[in-house]
Structure formats: C-alpha cells, structure tokens
PDB file of N, CA and C in Angstrom:
ATOM      1  N   MET A   1       0.801  -0.930  -0.055  1.00  0.00           N
ATOM      2  CA  MET A   1       0.296  -0.062  -0.019  1.00  0.00           C
ATOM      3  C   MET A   1       0.703   1.280   0.139  1.00  0.00           C
ATOM      4  N   PHE A   2       0.324   2.658  -0.772  1.00  0.00           N
ATOM      5  CA  PHE A   2       0.832   3.336  -0.447  1.00  0.00           C
ATOM      6  C   PHE A   2      -0.132   4.452  -0.455  1.00  0.00           C
ATOM      7  N   HIS A   3       0.180   5.838   0.341  1.00  0.00           N
ATOM      8  CA  HIS A   3      -0.519   6.724   0.420  1.00  0.00           C
ATOM      9  C   HIS A   3      -0.367   7.883   0.111  1.00  0.00           C
ATOM     10  N   ILE A   4      -1.336   8.832  -0.277  1.00  0.00           N
ATOM     11  CA  ILE A   4      -0.745  10.240  -0.957  1.00  0.00           C
ATOM     12  C   ILE A   4      -1.933  11.189  -0.040  1.00  0.00           C
ATOM     13  N   THR A   5      -1.063  12.141   0.673  1.00  0.00           N
ATOM     14  CA  THR A   5      -1.747  13.205   1.497  1.00  0.00           C
ATOM     15  C   THR A   5      -2.713  13.867   0.353  1.00  0.00           C
ATOM     16  N   GLN A   6      -3.844  14.980   1.150  1.00  0.00           N
ATOM     17  CA  GLN A   6      -4.657  15.780   0.280  1.00  0.00           C
ATOM     18  C   GLN A   6      -3.686  16.455  -0.187  1.00  0.00           C
ATOM     19  N   ILE A   7      -2.918  17.594   0.518  1.00  0.00           N
ATOM     20  CA  ILE A   7      -1.754  18.322  -0.124  1.00  0.00           C
ATOM     21  C   ILE A   7      -0.822  18.202  -1.100  1.00  0.00           C
ATOM     22  N   ALA A   8      -0.393  16.634  -0.954  1.00  0.00           N
ATOM     23  CA  ALA A   8       0.545  16.261  -2.036  1.00  0.00           C
ATOM     24  C   ALA A   8      -0.470  15.826  -3.547  1.00  0.00           C
ATOM     25  N   ALA A   9      -1.721  15.551  -3.078  1.00  0.00           N
ATOM     26  CA  ALA A   9      -2.511  15.112  -4.025  1.00  0.00           C
ATOM     27  C   ALA A   9      -2.449  16.478  -5.008  1.00  0.00           C
ATOM     28  N   VAL A  10      -3.116  17.549  -4.406  1.00  0.00           N
ATOM     29  CA  VAL A  10      -3.107  19.062  -5.014  1.00  0.00           C
ATOM     30  C   VAL A  10      -2.130  19.511  -5.816  1.00  0.00           C
ATOM     31  N   HIS A  11      -0.953  19.186  -5.124  1.00  0.00           N
ATOM     32  CA  HIS A  11       0.461  19.510  -5.871  1.00  0.00           C
ATOM     33  C   HIS A  11       0.770  18.750  -7.136  1.00  0.00           C
ATOM     34  N   LEU A  12       0.262  17.429  -6.898  1.00  0.00           N
ATOM     35  CA  LEU A  12       0.548  16.527  -7.638  1.00  0.00           C
ATOM     36  C   LEU A  12      -0.283  16.696  -9.172  1.00  0.00           C
ATOM     37  N   ARG A  13      -1.524  17.040  -8.624  1.00  0.00           N
ATOM     38  CA  ARG A  13      -2.527  17.491  -9.945  1.00  0.00           C
ATOM     39  C   ARG A  13      -1.996  18.696 -10.561  1.00  0.00           C
ATOM     40  N   ALA A  14      -1.605  19.663  -9.547  1.00  0.00           N
ATOM     41  CA  ALA A  14      -1.495  21.015 -10.631  1.00  0.00           C
ATOM     42  C   ALA A  14       0.300  20.295 -11.739  1.00  0.00           C
ATOM     43  N   LEU A  15       1.009  20.038 -11.087  1.00  0.00           N
ATOM     44  CA  LEU A  15       2.437  19.315 -11.787  1.00  0.00           C
ATOM     45  C   LEU A  15       1.670  18.444 -12.723  1.00  0.00           C
ATOM     46  N   LEU A  16       0.788  17.700 -12.862  1.00  0.00           N
ATOM     47  CA  LEU A  16       0.908  16.829 -14.055  1.00  0.00           C
ATOM     48  C   LEU A  16       0.138  17.672 -15.119  1.00  0.00           C
ATOM     49  N   GLU A  17      -0.826  18.819 -14.745  1.00  0.00           N
ATOM     50  CA  GLU A  17      -1.333  19.307 -15.087  1.00  0.00           C
ATOM     51  C   GLU A  17      -0.347  20.265 -16.186  1.00  0.00           C
ATOM     52  N   GLU A  18       0.527  21.137 -15.378  1.00  0.00           N
ATOM     53  CA  GLU A  18       1.669  21.892 -15.946  1.00  0.00           C
ATOM     54  C   GLU A  18       2.337  21.247 -17.355  1.00  0.00           C
ATOM     55  N   LYS A  19       2.893  20.067 -16.743  1.00  0.00           N
ATOM     56  CA  LYS A  19       3.368  19.015 -17.595  1.00  0.00           C
ATOM     57  C   LYS A  19       2.607  18.422 -18.782  1.00  0.00           C
ATOM     58  N   ALA A  20       1.467  18.967 -18.754  1.00  0.00           N
ATOM     59  CA  ALA A  20       0.320  18.376 -20.004  1.00  0.00           C
ATOM     60  C   ALA A  20       0.557  16.815 -19.983  1.00  0.00           C
ATOM     61  N   ALA A  21       0.300  16.116 -18.884  1.00  0.00           N
ATOM     62  CA  ALA A  21       0.247  14.804 -18.467  1.00  0.00           C
ATOM     63  C   ALA A  21      -0.827  14.345 -19.291  1.00  0.00           C
ATOM     64  N   THR A  22      -0.703  13.369 -19.704  1.00  0.00           N
ATOM     65  CA  THR A  22      -2.107  12.360 -20.477  1.00  0.00           C
ATOM     66  C   THR A  22      -2.560  11.601 -19.448  1.00  0.00           C
ATOM     67  N   HIS A  23      -3.947  11.180 -19.790  1.00  0.00           N
ATOM     68  CA  HIS A  23      -4.103  10.318 -18.866  1.00  0.00           C
ATOM     69  C   HIS A  23      -3.625   8.991 -17.991  1.00  0.00           C
ATOM     70  N   ASP A  24      -2.430   8.405 -19.316  1.00  0.00           N
ATOM     71  CA  ASP A  24      -2.146   7.293 -18.465  1.00  0.00           C
ATOM     72  C   ASP A  24      -0.661   7.762 -17.992  1.00  0.00           C
ATOM     73  N   GLN A  25      -0.311   8.753 -17.842  1.00  0.00           N
ATOM     74  CA  GLN A  25       0.995   9.508 -16.785  1.00  0.00           C
ATOM     75  C   GLN A  25       0.689   9.796 -15.605  1.00  0.00           C
ATOM     76  N   GLY A  26       1.802   9.821 -14.625  1.00  0.00           N
ATOM     77  CA  GLY A  26       1.873  10.042 -13.168  1.00  0.00           C
ATOM     78  C   GLY A  26       3.289  10.391 -13.022  1.00  0.00           C
ATOM     79  N   LEU A  27       3.546  10.426 -11.596  1.00  0.00           N
ATOM     80  CA  LEU A  27       4.694  10.504 -11.221  1.00  0.00           C
ATOM     81  C   LEU A  27       5.106   9.282 -10.827  1.00  0.00           C
ATOM     82  N   ARG A  28       6.103   9.256 -11.292  1.00  0.00           N
ATOM     83  CA  ARG A  28       6.602   7.940 -11.242  1.00  0.00           C
ATOM     84  C   ARG A  28       7.885   7.814  -9.954  1.00  0.00           C
ATOM     85  N   LEU A  29       7.722   7.138  -9.000  1.00  0.00           N
ATOM     86  CA  LEU A  29       8.651   7.198  -7.782  1.00  0.00           C
ATOM     87  C   LEU A  29       9.260   5.824  -7.864  1.00  0.00           C
ATOM     88  N   ALA A  30      10.694   5.708  -7.674  1.00  0.00           N
ATOM     89  CA  ALA A  30      11.237   4.957  -8.006  1.00  0.00           C
ATOM     90  C   ALA A  30      12.666   4.924  -6.761  1.00  0.00           C
ATOM     91  N   VAL A  31      13.194   3.676  -6.250  1.00  0.00           N
ATOM     92  CA  VAL A  31      14.189   3.279  -5.497  1.00  0.00           C
ATOM     93  C   VAL A  31      15.410   3.086  -6.462  1.00  0.00           C
ATOM     94  N   GLU A  32      16.670   3.606  -6.245  1.00  0.00           N
ATOM     95  CA  GLU A  32      17.711   3.052  -6.897  1.00  0.00           C
ATOM     96  C   GLU A  32      19.019   3.494  -5.851  1.00  0.00           C
ATOM     97  N   ARG A  33      19.662   2.376  -6.075  1.00  0.00           N
ATOM     98  CA  ARG A  33      21.075   2.638  -5.448  1.00  0.00           C
ATOM     99  C   ARG A  33      21.902   3.660  -5.753  1.00  0.00           C
ATOM    100  N   GLY A  34      22.280   4.573  -4.358  1.00  0.00           N
ATOM    101  CA  GLY A  34      23.201   5.853  -4.393  1.00  0.00           C
ATOM    102  C   GLY A  34      22.550   6.337  -3.382  1.00  0.00           C
ATOM    103  N   GLY A  35      23.041   7.740  -3.375  1.00  0.00           N
ATOM    104  CA  GLY A  35      22.888   8.776  -2.194  1.00  0.00           C
ATOM    105  C   GLY A  35      23.864   8.695  -1.071  1.00  0.00           C
ATOM    106  N   CYS A  36      23.664   9.524  -0.177  1.00  0.00           N
ATOM    107  CA  CYS A  36      24.926   9.284   1.093  1.00  0.00           C
ATOM    108  C   CYS A  36      24.200   8.277   1.740  1.00  0.00           C
ATOM    109  N   ALA A  37      23.122   7.662   1.845  1.00  0.00           N
ATOM    110  CA  ALA A  37      22.597   6.541   2.746  1.00  0.00           C
ATOM    111  C   ALA A  37      22.585   5.289   2.065  1.00  0.00           C
ATOM    112  N   GLY A  38      22.790   5.425   1.276  1.00  0.00           N
ATOM    113  CA  GLY A  38      22.685   4.042   0.340  1.00  0.00           C
ATOM    114  C   GLY A  38      21.427   3.491  -0.740  1.00  0.00           C
ATOM    115  N   MET A  39      20.340   4.135  -0.708  1.00  0.00           N
ATOM    116  CA  MET A  39      19.799   4.374  -1.564  1.00  0.00           C
ATOM    117  C   MET A  39      18.734   5.725  -1.903  1.00  0.00           C
ATOM    118  N   GLN A  40      18.078   5.952  -2.734  1.00  0.00           N
ATOM    119  CA  GLN A  40      17.591   7.254  -3.065  1.00  0.00           C
ATOM    120  C   GLN A  40      16.552   7.052  -3.916  1.00  0.00           C
ATOM    121  N   TYR A  41      15.834   8.165  -3.664  1.00  0.00           N
ATOM    122  CA  TYR A  41      14.541   8.442  -4.021  1.00  0.00           C
ATOM    123  C   TYR A  41      14.424   9.105  -5.689  1.00  0.00           C
ATOM    124  N   ASN A  42      13.745   8.729  -6.619  1.00  0.00           N
ATOM    125  CA  ASN A  42      13.766   9.008  -7.665  1.00  0.00           C
ATOM    126  C   ASN A  42      12.225   9.456  -8.318  1.00  0.00           C
ATOM    127  N   MET A  43      12.339  10.498  -8.858  1.00  0.00           N
ATOM    128  CA  MET A  43      10.561  11.130  -9.266  1.00  0.00           C
ATOM    129  C   MET A  43      10.744  11.828 -10.389  1.00  0.00           C
ATOM    130  N   ASP A  44       9.918  11.152 -11.703  1.00  0.00           N
ATOM    131  CA  ASP A  44      10.043  11.973 -12.702  1.00  0.00           C
ATOM    132  C   ASP A  44       8.196  11.795 -13.218  1.00  0.00           C
ATOM    133  N   ILE A  45       7.947  12.356 -14.278  1.00  0.00           N
ATOM    134  CA  ILE A  45       6.760  11.770 -14.756  1.00  0.00           C
ATOM    135  C   ILE A  45       6.827  10.699 -16.054  1.00  0.00           C
ATOM    136  N   ALA A  46       6.525  10.084 -15.966  1.00  0.00           N
ATOM    137  CA  ALA A  46       6.313   8.811 -16.856  1.00  0.00           C
ATOM    138  C   ALA A  46       4.655   8.170 -17.194  1.00  0.00           C
ATOM    139  N   THR A  47       5.319   7.594 -18.115  1.00  0.00           N
ATOM    140  CA  THR A  47       3.939   6.787 -18.797  1.00  0.00           C
ATOM    141  C   THR A  47       3.571   5.131 -17.818  1.00  0.00           C
ATOM    142  N   ARG A  48       2.702   5.143 -17.657  1.00  0.00           N
ATOM    143  CA  ARG A  48       2.123   3.634 -16.602  1.00  0.00           C
ATOM    144  C   ARG A  48       2.314   2.721 -17.654  1.00  0.00           C
ATOM    145  N   THR A  49       3.224   1.646 -17.013  1.00  0.00           N
ATOM    146  CA  THR A  49       3.344   0.460 -17.905  1.00  0.00           C
ATOM    147  C   THR A  49       2.567  -0.712 -17.352  1.00  0.00           C
ATOM    148  N   ASP A  50       2.472  -1.836 -17.765  1.00  0.00           N
ATOM    149  CA  ASP A  50       1.661  -2.944 -16.960  1.00  0.00           C
ATOM    150  C   ASP A  50       2.012  -3.554 -16.051  1.00  0.00           C
ATOM    151  N   THR A  51       3.243  -3.320 -15.443  1.00  0.00           N
ATOM    152  CA  THR A  51       4.086  -3.932 -14.385  1.00  0.00           C
ATOM    153  C   THR A  51       3.838  -3.111 -12.918  1.00  0.00           C
ATOM    154  N   ASP A  52       3.640  -1.504 -13.131  1.00  0.00           N
ATOM    155  CA  ASP A  52       3.576  -0.720 -12.164  1.00  0.00           C
ATOM    156  C   ASP A  52       2.110  -0.986 -11.165  1.00  0.00           C
ATOM    157  N   SER A  53       2.604  -0.672 -10.211  1.00  0.00           N
ATOM    158  CA  SER A  53       1.361  -0.419  -9.359  1.00  0.00           C
ATOM    159  C   SER A  53       0.907   1.118  -9.175  1.00  0.00           C
ATOM    160  N   VAL A  54      -0.348   1.096  -9.112  1.00  0.00           N
ATOM    161  CA  VAL A  54      -0.814   2.465  -9.474  1.00  0.00           C
ATOM    162  C   VAL A  54      -1.545   3.030  -8.370  1.00  0.00           C
ATOM    163  N   PHE A  55      -1.408   4.272  -7.779  1.00  0.00           N
ATOM    164  CA  PHE A  55      -1.875   4.487  -6.413  1.00  0.00           C
ATOM    165  C   PHE A  55      -2.294   6.297  -6.728  1.00  0.00           C
ATOM    166  N   GLY A  56      -3.313   6.578  -6.096  1.00  0.00           N
ATOM    167  CA  GLY A  56      -3.782   7.824  -6.211  1.00  0.00           C
ATOM    168  C   GLY A  56      -5.447   7.964  -6.742  1.00  0.00           C
ATOM    169  N   GLU A  57      -5.541   9.300  -7.580  1.00  0.00           N
ATOM    170  CA  GLU A  57      -6.654   9.162  -7.953  1.00  0.00           C
ATOM    171  C   GLU A  57      -6.510   9.700  -9.117  1.00  0.00           C
ATOM    172  N   THR A  58      -7.693   9.746 -10.176  1.00  0.00           N
ATOM    173  CA  THR A  58      -7.652  10.449 -11.310  1.00  0.00           C
ATOM    174  C   THR A  58      -7.219  11.966 -11.205  1.00  0.00           C
ATOM    175  N   GLY A  59      -5.840  12.102 -12.054  1.00  0.00           N
ATOM    176  CA  GLY A  59      -5.233  13.465 -12.179  1.00  0.00           C
ATOM    177  C   GLY A  59      -4.281  13.405 -10.976  1.00  0.00           C
ATOM    178  N   ALA A  60      -3.976  12.291 -10.020  1.00  0.00           N
ATOM    179  CA  ALA A  60      -2.953  12.556  -8.898  1.00  0.00           C
ATOM    180  C   ALA A  60      -2.482  11.416  -8.675  1.00  0.00           C
ATOM    181  N   THR A  61      -1.877  10.503  -9.780  1.00  0.00           N
ATOM    182  CA  THR A  61      -1.244   8.962  -9.434  1.00  0.00           C
ATOM    183  C   THR A  61       0.084   9.191  -9.497  1.00  0.00           C
ATOM    184  N   VAL A  62       0.361   8.027  -8.683  1.00  0.00           N
ATOM    185  CA  VAL A  62       1.700   7.709  -8.575  1.00  0.00           C
ATOM    186  C   VAL A  62       2.104   6.400  -9.117  1.00  0.00           C
ATOM    187  N   LEU A  63       3.406   6.055  -9.774  1.00  0.00           N
ATOM    188  CA  LEU A  63       3.214   5.022 -10.343  1.00  0.00           C
ATOM    189  C   LEU A  63       4.756   4.627  -9.735  1.00  0.00           C
ATOM    190  N   ILE A  64       4.563   3.076  -9.206  1.00  0.00           N
ATOM    191  CA  ILE A  64       5.817   2.920  -8.751  1.00  0.00           C
ATOM    192  C   ILE A  64       5.885   1.156  -9.259  1.00  0.00           C
ATOM    193  N   ASP A  65       7.174   0.911  -9.782  1.00  0.00           N
ATOM    194  CA  ASP A  65       7.489  -0.546  -9.965  1.00  0.00           C
ATOM    195  C   ASP A  65       7.592  -1.619  -9.237  1.00  0.00           C
ATOM    196  N   ALA A  66       7.532  -2.673  -9.487  1.00  0.00           N
ATOM    197  CA  ALA A  66       7.224  -4.061  -8.409  1.00  0.00           C
ATOM    198  C   ALA A  66       8.950  -3.717  -7.740  1.00  0.00           C
ATOM    199  N   GLU A  67      10.169  -3.729  -8.151  1.00  0.00           N
ATOM    200  CA  GLU A  67      11.669  -3.419  -7.449  1.00  0.00           C
ATOM    201  C   GLU A  67      11.400  -2.368  -6.831  1.00  0.00           C
ATOM    202  N   SER A  68      10.912  -0.917  -6.718  1.00  0.00           N
ATOM    203  CA  SER A  68      10.861  -0.082  -5.597  1.00  0.00           C
ATOM    204  C   SER A  68       9.557  -0.376  -4.924  1.00  0.00           C
ATOM    205  N   HIS A  69       8.871  -0.895  -5.076  1.00  0.00           N
ATOM    206  CA  HIS A  69       7.367  -1.309  -4.292  1.00  0.00           C
ATOM    207  C   HIS A  69       8.059  -1.835  -2.816  1.00  0.00           C
ATOM    208  N   ALA A  70       8.629  -2.569  -2.848  1.00  0.00           N
ATOM    209  CA  ALA A  70       9.771  -3.430  -1.890  1.00  0.00           C
ATOM    210  C   ALA A  70       9.927  -2.242  -0.747  1.00  0.00           C
ATOM    211  N   PHE A  71      10.591  -1.347  -1.083  1.00  0.00           N
ATOM    212  CA  PHE A  71      11.062  -0.614  -0.473  1.00  0.00           C
ATOM    213  C   PHE A  71      10.309   0.563   0.020  1.00  0.00           C
ATOM    214  N   LEU A  72       9.275   0.912  -0.858  1.00  0.00           N
ATOM    215  CA  LEU A  72       8.057   2.014  -0.592  1.00  0.00           C
ATOM    216  C   LEU A  72       6.648   1.589  -0.043  1.00  0.00           C
ATOM    217  N   ASP A  73       6.577   0.315   0.101  1.00  0.00           N
ATOM    218  CA  ASP A  73       5.204  -0.334   0.932  1.00  0.00           C
ATOM    219  C   ASP A  73       5.151   0.419   2.363  1.00  0.00           C
ATOM    220  N   GLY A  74       3.935   0.818   2.281  1.00  0.00           N
ATOM    221  CA  GLY A  74       3.422   1.596   3.808  1.00  0.00           C
ATOM    222  C   GLY A  74       3.841   3.254   3.649  1.00  0.00           C
ATOM    223  N   SER A  75       4.287   3.557   2.699  1.00  0.00           N
ATOM    224  CA  SER A  75       5.015   4.848   2.731  1.00  0.00           C
ATOM    225  C   SER A  75       3.870   5.799   2.146  1.00  0.00           C
ATOM    226  N   THR A  76       4.376   6.930   2.451  1.00  0.00           N
ATOM    227  CA  THR A  76       3.252   8.125   2.352  1.00  0.00           C
ATOM    228  C   THR A  76       3.934   9.329   1.677  1.00  0.00           C
ATOM    229  N   LEU A  77       3.539   9.713   0.391  1.00  0.00           N
ATOM    230  CA  LEU A  77       3.763  10.851  -0.333  1.00  0.00           C
ATOM    231  C   LEU A  77       3.121  12.226   0.062  1.00  0.00           C
ATOM    232  N   ASP A  78       3.987  13.267   1.029  1.00  0.00           N
ATOM    233  CA  ASP A  78       3.304  14.367   1.430  1.00  0.00           C
ATOM    234  C   ASP A  78       4.079  15.476   0.457  1.00  0.00           C
ATOM    235  N   TYR A  79       3.531  16.763   1.002  1.00  0.00           N
ATOM    236  CA  TYR A  79       4.243  17.867   0.414  1.00  0.00           C
ATOM    237  C   TYR A  79       4.473  19.077   1.336  1.00  0.00           C
ATOM    238  N   VAL A  80       5.757  19.289   1.409  1.00  0.00           N
ATOM    239  CA  VAL A  80       6.005  20.212   2.451  1.00  0.00           C
ATOM    240  C   VAL A  80       6.072  21.786   1.645  1.00  0.00           C
ATOM    241  N   ASP A  81       6.094  22.482   2.766  1.00  0.00           N
ATOM    242  CA  ASP A  81       6.183  23.995   2.415  1.00  0.00           C
ATOM    243  C   ASP A  81       6.785  24.589   3.615  1.00  0.00           C
ATOM    244  N   GLU A  82       8.365  24.602   3.481  1.00  0.00           N
ATOM    245  CA  GLU A  82       8.761  24.983   5.054  1.00  0.00           C
ATOM    246  C   GLU A  82      10.473  26.379   4.388  1.00  0.00           C
ATOM    247  N   LEU A  83      10.549  27.113   5.245  1.00  0.00           N
ATOM    248  CA  LEU A  83      11.620  28.255   4.974  1.00  0.00           C
ATOM    249  C   LEU A  83      12.697  27.565   4.091  1.00  0.00           C
ATOM    250  N   THR A  84      13.383  26.176   4.545  1.00  0.00           N
ATOM    251  CA  THR A  84      14.071  25.875   3.466  1.00  0.00           C
ATOM    252  C   THR A  84      13.939  25.103   2.209  1.00  0.00           C
ATOM    253  N   GLY A  85      12.676  25.351   1.623  1.00  0.00           N
ATOM    254  CA  GLY A  85      12.439  24.786   0.266  1.00  0.00           C
ATOM    255  C   GLY A  85      10.975  23.815   0.797  1.00  0.00           C
ATOM    256  N   SER A  86      10.365  23.825  -0.658  1.00  0.00           N
ATOM    257  CA  SER A  86       9.467  23.183  -0.522  1.00  0.00           C
ATOM    258  C   SER A  86       9.276  22.087  -1.756  1.00  0.00           C
ATOM    259  N   GLY A  87       8.373  21.228  -1.352  1.00  0.00           N
ATOM    260  CA  GLY A  87       8.153  19.966  -2.631  1.00  0.00           C
ATOM    261  C   GLY A  87       7.828  18.889  -1.996  1.00  0.00           C
ATOM    262  N   PHE A  88       7.763  17.527  -2.893  1.00  0.00           N
ATOM    263  CA  PHE A  88       7.378  16.206  -1.997  1.00  0.00           C
ATOM    264  C   PHE A  88       8.563  15.853  -1.178  1.00  0.00           C
ATOM    265  N   LYS A  89       7.614  14.818  -0.102  1.00  0.00           N
ATOM    266  CA  LYS A  89       8.580  14.507   0.715  1.00  0.00           C
ATOM    267  C   LYS A  89       7.825  13.142   0.950  1.00  0.00           C
ATOM    268  N   ILE A  90       8.790  12.255   1.017  1.00  0.00           N
ATOM    269  CA  ILE A  90       8.510  10.480   1.205  1.00  0.00           C
ATOM    270  C   ILE A  90       8.522  10.209   2.446  1.00  0.00           C
ATOM    271  N   ILE A  91       7.463   9.970   3.304  1.00  0.00           N
ATOM    272  CA  ILE A  91       7.249   9.486   4.412  1.00  0.00           C
ATOM    273  C   ILE A  91       7.664   7.655   4.705  1.00  0.00           C
ATOM    274  N   ASN A  92       8.754   7.268   4.757  1.00  0.00           N
ATOM    275  CA  ASN A  92       8.830   5.814   4.829  1.00  0.00           C
ATOM    276  C   ASN A  92       8.955   5.074   5.924  1.00  0.00           C
ATOM    277  N   PRO A  93       8.231   3.974   6.474  1.00  0.00           N
ATOM    278  CA  PRO A  93       8.222   3.318   7.692  1.00  0.00           C
ATOM    279  C   PRO A  93       9.462   2.277   7.645  1.00  0.00           C
ATOM    280  N   ARG A  94       9.670   2.035   5.911  1.00  0.00           N
ATOM    281  CA  ARG A  94      10.637   1.015   5.891  1.00  0.00           C
ATOM    282  C   ARG A  94      12.135   1.429   6.088  1.00  0.00           C
ATOM    283  N   ALA A  95      12.608   2.793   6.231  1.00  0.00           N
ATOM    284  CA  ALA A  95      13.590   3.337   6.166  1.00  0.00           C
ATOM    285  C   ALA A  95      14.459   3.365   7.395  1.00  0.00           C
ATOM    286  N   ALA A  96      15.483   2.453   7.868  1.00  0.00           N
ATOM    287  CA  ALA A  96      16.139   2.598   9.421  1.00  0.00           C
ATOM    288  C   ALA A  96      16.800   3.927   9.242  1.00  0.00           C
ATOM    289  N   ARG A  97      17.061   4.496   8.361  1.00  0.00           N
ATOM    290  CA  ARG A  97      17.332   6.145   8.985  1.00  0.00           C
ATOM    291  C   ARG A  97      17.383   7.077   7.585  1.00  0.00           C
ATOM    292  N   SER A  98      17.485   7.825   7.490  1.00  0.00           N
ATOM    293  CA  SER A  98      17.299   8.945   6.448  1.00  0.00           C
ATOM    294  C   SER A  98      18.524  10.210   6.286  1.00  0.00           C
ATOM    295  N   CYS A  99      18.900  10.609   5.323  1.00  0.00           N
ATOM    296  CA  CYS A  99      19.938  11.750   5.444  1.00  0.00           C
ATOM    297  C   CYS A  99      19.264  12.773   5.490  1.00  0.00           C
ATOM    298  N   GLY A 100      20.197  14.005   5.792  1.00  0.00           N
ATOM    299  CA  GLY A 100      19.330  15.151   6.025  1.00  0.00           C
ATOM    300  C   GLY A 100      18.736  15.809   4.958  1.00  0.00           C
ATOM    301  N   CYS A 101      19.024  15.530   3.428  1.00  0.00           N
ATOM    302  CA  CYS A 101      18.608  16.222   2.406  1.00  0.00           C
ATOM    303  C   CYS A 101      17.396  15.301   2.219  1.00  0.00           C
ATOM    304  N   GLY A 102      16.980  14.444   2.904  1.00  0.00           N
ATOM    305  CA  GLY A 102      15.594  13.852   2.511  1.00  0.00           C
ATOM    306  C   GLY A 102      15.392  12.967   1.251  1.00  0.00           C
ATOM    307  N   THR A 103      16.332  12.733   0.641  1.00  0.00           N
ATOM    308  CA  THR A 103      16.057  12.073  -0.955  1.00  0.00           C
ATOM    309  C   THR A 103      17.005  10.617  -0.747  1.00  0.00           C
ATOM    310  N   SER A 104      17.280  10.538   0.584  1.00  0.00           N
ATOM    311  CA  SER A 104      18.355   9.259   0.323  1.00  0.00           C
ATOM    312  C   SER A 104      18.019   8.576   1.816  1.00  0.00           C
ATOM    313  N   PHE A 105      18.453   7.617   1.496  1.00  0.00           N
ATOM    314  CA  PHE A 105      17.618   6.639   3.102  1.00  0.00           C
ATOM    315  C   PHE A 105      18.312   5.458   3.072  1.00  0.00           C
ATOM    316  N   GLU A 106      18.566   4.544   4.037  1.00  0.00           N
ATOM    317  CA  GLU A 106      19.144   3.295   4.542  1.00  0.00           C
ATOM    318  C   GLU A 106      17.875   2.403   4.667  1.00  0.00           C
ATOM    319  N   PRO A 107      17.653   1.299   3.797  1.00  0.00           N
ATOM    320  CA  PRO A 107      16.546   0.505   3.992  1.00  0.00           C
ATOM    321  C   PRO A 107      16.626  -0.345   5.371  1.00  0.00           C
ATOM    322  N   GLU A 108      15.499  -0.552   5.946  1.00  0.00           N
ATOM    323  CA  GLU A 108      15.519  -1.561   7.009  1.00  0.00           C
ATOM    324  C   GLU A 108      16.325  -3.197   6.427  1.00  0.00           C
ATOM    325  N   PRO A 109      16.601  -3.826   7.448  1.00  0.00           N
ATOM    326  CA  PRO A 109      17.737  -5.035   6.847  1.00  0.00           C
ATOM    327  C   PRO A 109      16.709  -5.679   5.949  1.00  0.00           C
ATOM    328  N   GLU A 110      15.426  -6.182   6.505  1.00  0.00           N
ATOM    329  CA  GLU A 110      14.396  -6.852   5.851  1.00  0.00           C
ATOM    330  C   GLU A 110      14.349  -6.831   4.099  1.00  0.00           C
ATOM    331  N   ALA A 111      14.239  -5.103   4.146  1.00  0.00           N
ATOM    332  CA  ALA A 111      13.562  -4.306   2.744  1.00  0.00           C
ATOM    333  C   ALA A 111      14.684  -5.166   1.996  1.00  0.00           C
ATOM    334  N   ALA A 112      16.040  -4.294   2.565  1.00  0.00           N
ATOM    335  CA  ALA A 112      17.850  -4.666   1.680  1.00  0.00           C
ATOM    336  C   ALA A 112      17.570  -6.554   1.404  1.00  0.00           C
ATOM    337  N   ALA A 113      17.275  -7.285   2.146  1.00  0.00           N
ATOM    338  CA  ALA A 113      17.465  -8.323   1.999  1.00  0.00           C
ATOM    339  C   ALA A 113      17.060  -9.346   0.814  1.00  0.00           C
ATOM    340  N   THR A 114      15.249  -8.548   0.432  1.00  0.00           N
ATOM    341  CA  THR A 114      14.700  -8.954  -0.688  1.00  0.00           C
ATOM    342  C   THR A 114      15.582  -8.076  -2.346  1.00  0.00           C
ATOM    343  N   HIS A 115      16.390  -7.829  -2.015  1.00  0.00           N
ATOM    344  CA  HIS A 115      17.240  -7.248  -3.307  1.00  0.00           C
ATOM    345  C   HIS A 115      18.633  -7.064  -3.158  1.00  0.00           C
TER     346      HIS A 115
END
C-alpha cells in the first residue's frame, strides 16, 4: 500500500497539469542505489506500464515499479512548504535512517535483503 496526503494530491495534480501529462501518465516514484545513505528516491513524470502499481486518484497518480515497491510499501507521499524549501516528501516506515537531504535513505534489513 502507498498513501498520498491531500496536500500532495493537490500539488501533484497541478504538476501533472503543468506538464500536460496524459491520462496514462503520473509521477513515477522509484528507489535506486546511491545517495549518501545507500538508496535514493527518484521522481519523474512517466507513462504507466503493465507492471506498475498505481496509487492515487484521477489526475493525481503515483506509479511504482515492482522492485521499488518493496522499499516503499506503507510509505506516504506528502508535500512540505518550509523555509528551507518546498516539494514532495516521502515518509517511509521501511527506512532505518534517512539523510538530511530527505532524498536518500538506508533501508531496513528485511527490505534490503529482498534485493
């Protein structure tokens, strides 16, 4: 399961509209090796594939591939607007620790063991 807060959905809809995304496109959220904590999040606008898990509602969809889903299961996409910056934020209960930049994390041992 993957959750999207109401404020994140509002900003995601606006982003997808701004980028003229088609009905089969959404925000692709992926996990890749890298970053200062071992794994990093990658986000971009992409077209849905048959193997993607799709979360959200019409106009505010998040696409997650099967490999990344193991690291993101139970996570929440939020949107923050703070003095230090604004943007999408992943709240990931499967992260053992996160780095200060918020885009890199160390997975819990059980999530890392599956990859």
